[in-house]
Protein backbone atom coordinates (compact mmCIF):
# COMPACT_ATOMS: atom_id res chain seq x y z
CA MET A 1 -72.85 -12.71 48.41
CA SER A 2 -73.41 -13.15 52.15
CA ILE A 3 -76.88 -13.90 53.50
CA THR A 4 -76.82 -10.48 55.15
CA ASN A 5 -76.04 -8.57 51.95
CA GLN A 6 -78.60 -10.67 50.10
CA PHE A 7 -81.20 -9.75 52.75
CA TYR A 8 -80.48 -6.03 52.39
CA GLU A 9 -80.46 -6.21 48.58
CA THR A 10 -83.87 -7.90 48.62
CA HIS A 11 -85.41 -5.82 51.44
CA ALA A 12 -83.68 -2.47 50.82
CA LYS A 13 -86.87 -0.38 50.48
CA ASP A 14 -88.53 -1.92 53.55
CA TYR A 15 -85.37 -1.45 55.61
CA PHE A 16 -84.99 2.12 54.38
CA ASP A 17 -88.61 2.95 55.23
CA SER A 18 -88.35 1.43 58.72
CA THR A 19 -85.10 3.18 59.70
CA VAL A 20 -84.77 6.49 57.85
CA LYS A 21 -86.89 8.51 60.30
CA VAL A 22 -85.68 6.87 63.53
CA ASP A 23 -84.49 9.46 66.07
CA THR A 24 -80.88 8.69 66.97
CA SER A 25 -80.09 12.18 68.26
CA ARG A 26 -79.11 10.87 71.72
CA LEU A 27 -76.43 8.72 70.10
CA TYR A 28 -75.23 11.69 68.03
CA GLU A 29 -74.90 13.84 71.18
CA ARG A 30 -72.79 11.22 72.89
CA PHE A 31 -70.49 10.81 69.86
CA LEU A 32 -70.29 14.33 68.46
CA LYS A 33 -69.19 15.94 71.73
CA TYR A 34 -65.77 14.54 70.75
CA VAL A 35 -65.94 15.50 67.05
CA PRO A 36 -65.73 19.22 66.17
CA VAL A 37 -68.02 20.48 63.42
CA GLY A 38 -66.37 20.38 60.02
CA CYS A 39 -64.43 17.18 60.68
CA ARG A 40 -64.41 14.21 58.32
CA ILE A 41 -66.71 11.34 59.32
CA LEU A 42 -66.87 7.93 57.65
CA ASP A 43 -70.35 6.39 57.97
CA PHE A 44 -69.39 2.72 57.78
CA GLY A 45 -72.48 0.70 56.91
CA CYS A 46 -74.72 3.71 56.36
CA GLY A 47 -77.93 1.76 55.66
CA SER A 48 -80.65 4.27 54.80
CA GLY A 49 -78.26 7.24 54.87
CA ARG A 50 -80.13 8.71 57.85
CA ASP A 51 -77.00 9.37 59.91
CA SER A 52 -74.95 10.56 56.92
CA LYS A 53 -77.62 13.15 56.13
CA ALA A 54 -77.82 14.27 59.76
CA PHE A 55 -74.04 14.74 59.94
CA VAL A 56 -73.95 16.65 56.63
CA ASP A 57 -76.79 18.88 57.84
CA MET A 58 -74.77 19.58 61.02
CA GLY A 59 -71.73 20.72 59.00
CA TYR A 60 -69.56 17.60 58.87
CA GLN A 61 -67.75 16.25 55.80
CA VAL A 62 -69.20 12.78 55.31
CA SER A 63 -68.13 9.75 53.30
CA ALA A 64 -70.44 6.75 53.36
CA ILE A 65 -70.29 3.09 52.43
CA ASP A 66 -72.58 0.11 52.64
CA GLY A 67 -72.39 -3.48 51.42
CA ALA A 68 -75.72 -3.61 49.58
CA GLU A 69 -76.01 -1.72 46.30
CA ASN A 70 -79.79 -1.26 46.57
CA LEU A 71 -79.37 0.38 49.98
CA CYS A 72 -76.52 2.52 48.63
CA LYS A 73 -78.81 3.86 45.89
CA LEU A 74 -81.51 4.80 48.40
CA ALA A 75 -78.95 6.35 50.78
CA ARG A 76 -77.41 8.40 47.93
CA GLU A 77 -80.80 9.84 47.05
CA TYR A 78 -81.72 10.56 50.65
CA ALA A 79 -78.43 11.91 51.99
CA GLY A 80 -77.43 13.73 48.81
CA ILE A 81 -73.86 12.38 48.91
CA ASP A 82 -71.95 9.67 47.12
CA VAL A 83 -72.35 6.31 48.85
CA LYS A 84 -69.95 3.59 47.77
CA CYS A 85 -70.89 -0.08 47.74
CA VAL A 86 -67.98 -1.87 49.44
CA ASP A 87 -67.52 -5.19 51.20
CA PHE A 88 -66.47 -4.33 54.76
CA LEU A 89 -63.51 -6.70 54.75
CA SER A 90 -62.07 -5.16 51.59
CA PHE A 91 -62.56 -1.50 52.57
CA GLY A 92 -59.55 0.72 52.08
CA SER A 93 -59.14 4.46 51.80
CA ASP A 94 -56.38 6.91 50.95
CA GLN A 95 -58.28 9.51 52.95
CA LYS A 96 -57.96 9.64 56.74
CA TYR A 97 -61.03 10.38 58.82
CA ASP A 98 -61.44 12.24 62.10
CA ALA A 99 -64.17 9.81 63.11
CA VAL A 100 -65.87 6.58 62.07
CA TRP A 101 -69.56 5.99 62.73
CA ALA A 102 -70.45 2.28 62.59
CA CYS A 103 -73.98 2.27 63.97
CA ALA A 104 -75.53 -1.22 63.89
CA SER A 105 -73.28 -2.31 61.02
CA LEU A 106 -70.40 -4.31 62.48
CA LEU A 107 -72.96 -6.51 64.22
CA HIS A 108 -73.22 -8.41 60.93
CA ILE A 109 -69.52 -9.40 60.98
CA PRO A 110 -68.56 -12.79 62.50
CA SER A 111 -66.63 -12.31 65.75
CA SER A 112 -63.60 -14.07 64.20
CA GLN A 113 -63.42 -11.28 61.58
CA LEU A 114 -64.27 -8.32 63.83
CA PRO A 115 -60.65 -7.58 64.86
CA THR A 116 -59.70 -7.40 61.16
CA VAL A 117 -62.52 -4.96 60.34
CA ILE A 118 -61.88 -2.85 63.45
CA ASN A 119 -58.20 -2.69 62.52
CA ILE A 120 -59.15 -1.58 58.98
CA LEU A 121 -61.22 1.22 60.53
CA LYS A 122 -58.45 2.15 62.96
CA ASN A 123 -56.08 2.53 60.00
CA ALA A 124 -58.59 4.85 58.31
CA LEU A 125 -58.50 7.20 61.33
CA VAL A 126 -56.19 10.13 61.96
CA ASP A 127 -54.19 9.97 65.20
CA ASN A 128 -56.58 10.57 68.12
CA GLY A 129 -59.51 9.86 65.79
CA LEU A 130 -62.71 8.41 67.20
CA MET A 131 -64.84 5.41 66.36
CA TYR A 132 -68.43 4.66 67.43
CA ILE A 133 -69.67 1.06 67.18
CA SER A 134 -72.95 -0.49 68.32
CA PHE A 135 -74.17 -4.06 68.63
CA LYS A 136 -77.27 -5.75 69.95
CA SER A 137 -76.46 -6.78 73.51
CA GLY A 138 -75.88 -10.44 74.28
CA ASN A 139 -73.75 -13.47 73.46
CA PHE A 140 -75.63 -14.81 70.42
CA GLU A 141 -73.78 -15.35 67.17
CA GLY A 142 -75.33 -16.78 64.01
CA GLU A 143 -78.25 -16.37 61.64
CA ARG A 144 -81.33 -14.56 62.91
CA ASP A 145 -84.14 -13.00 60.85
CA GLY A 146 -82.37 -13.81 57.57
CA ARG A 147 -79.10 -12.07 58.53
CA TYR A 148 -75.89 -12.96 60.34
CA TYR A 149 -75.55 -11.33 63.77
CA THR A 150 -72.80 -11.04 66.34
CA ASP A 151 -74.24 -9.75 69.60
CA MET A 152 -71.88 -8.10 72.05
CA THR A 153 -71.25 -7.36 75.71
CA SER A 154 -68.61 -5.22 77.35
CA ASP A 155 -66.64 -8.31 78.43
CA ARG A 156 -66.86 -9.91 75.01
CA PHE A 157 -65.79 -6.69 73.28
CA SER A 158 -62.76 -6.24 75.54
CA ASN A 159 -61.45 -9.54 74.13
CA LEU A 160 -61.75 -8.17 70.58
CA LEU A 161 -60.13 -4.80 71.26
CA VAL A 162 -57.44 -4.01 68.72
CA LYS A 163 -54.05 -2.68 69.83
CA GLY A 164 -53.83 1.08 69.36
CA LEU A 165 -57.45 1.73 70.34
CA ARG A 166 -58.75 2.56 73.80
CA ILE A 167 -62.30 2.75 75.07
CA VAL A 168 -63.44 6.31 75.77
CA GLU A 169 -67.03 5.43 76.70
CA GLU A 170 -69.22 2.36 76.69
CA TRP A 171 -72.86 2.02 77.66
CA TYR A 172 -76.02 0.02 77.17
CA SER A 173 -79.13 1.61 75.70
CA GLU A 174 -82.67 0.68 74.75
CA ASP A 175 -83.70 0.32 71.12
CA VAL A 176 -84.65 3.63 69.50
CA ILE A 177 -87.14 1.99 67.12
CA LYS A 178 -90.59 2.10 68.67
CA GLY A 179 -92.00 -1.31 69.53
CA ARG A 180 -88.63 -3.06 69.72
CA THR A 181 -87.24 -4.25 73.02
CA ASN A 182 -83.58 -4.83 72.12
CA THR A 183 -80.82 -3.61 74.39
CA TRP A 184 -77.72 -2.26 72.62
CA TYR A 185 -74.05 -2.24 73.56
CA ASN A 186 -72.42 1.03 72.43
CA VAL A 187 -68.73 1.91 72.52
CA ILE A 188 -66.65 4.95 71.56
CA LEU A 189 -62.97 4.26 70.89
CA ARG A 190 -60.01 6.56 70.37
CA LYS A 191 -56.97 5.80 68.22
CA GLU A 192 -53.77 6.27 70.15
């Protein structure tokens, strides 16, 4: 088990409590303007289930996964949907999704493995499907606060871009959790 999954297994309730009520509506607006209501969304690394529940409540068909079983249990209860516990590198699906939402989840993947995971997600998308990914902004990579992090910038991400995906939008934003001063790199991609 990775140090990151071990962290989330051990701290699942604390993480759930600190993130489940965070207002990410501005991120939803930016992403969902491309995703018609009723479409299939994969919440990849759903954490507390906050975003899965919001998308279900808005009329989307949502599938969700996370890598920590204790978080999956809490997310299932909160979002009211099945949440599968899956290692990101071994994810596979027979179903194709209209969109993938990977909010603050791929930031735990080493940069050397990010193209593989992004390609896995690309293959889970329908043609012209969309993908949202967010990372803490910067060039750091390694262990921080008991988890593995890969921070990202626009330039760094362009070197990781997988063939068959193009950037629709990218932007930097401030942390939505009160009291935190992180800047985030956000990107929306389209499968071509």
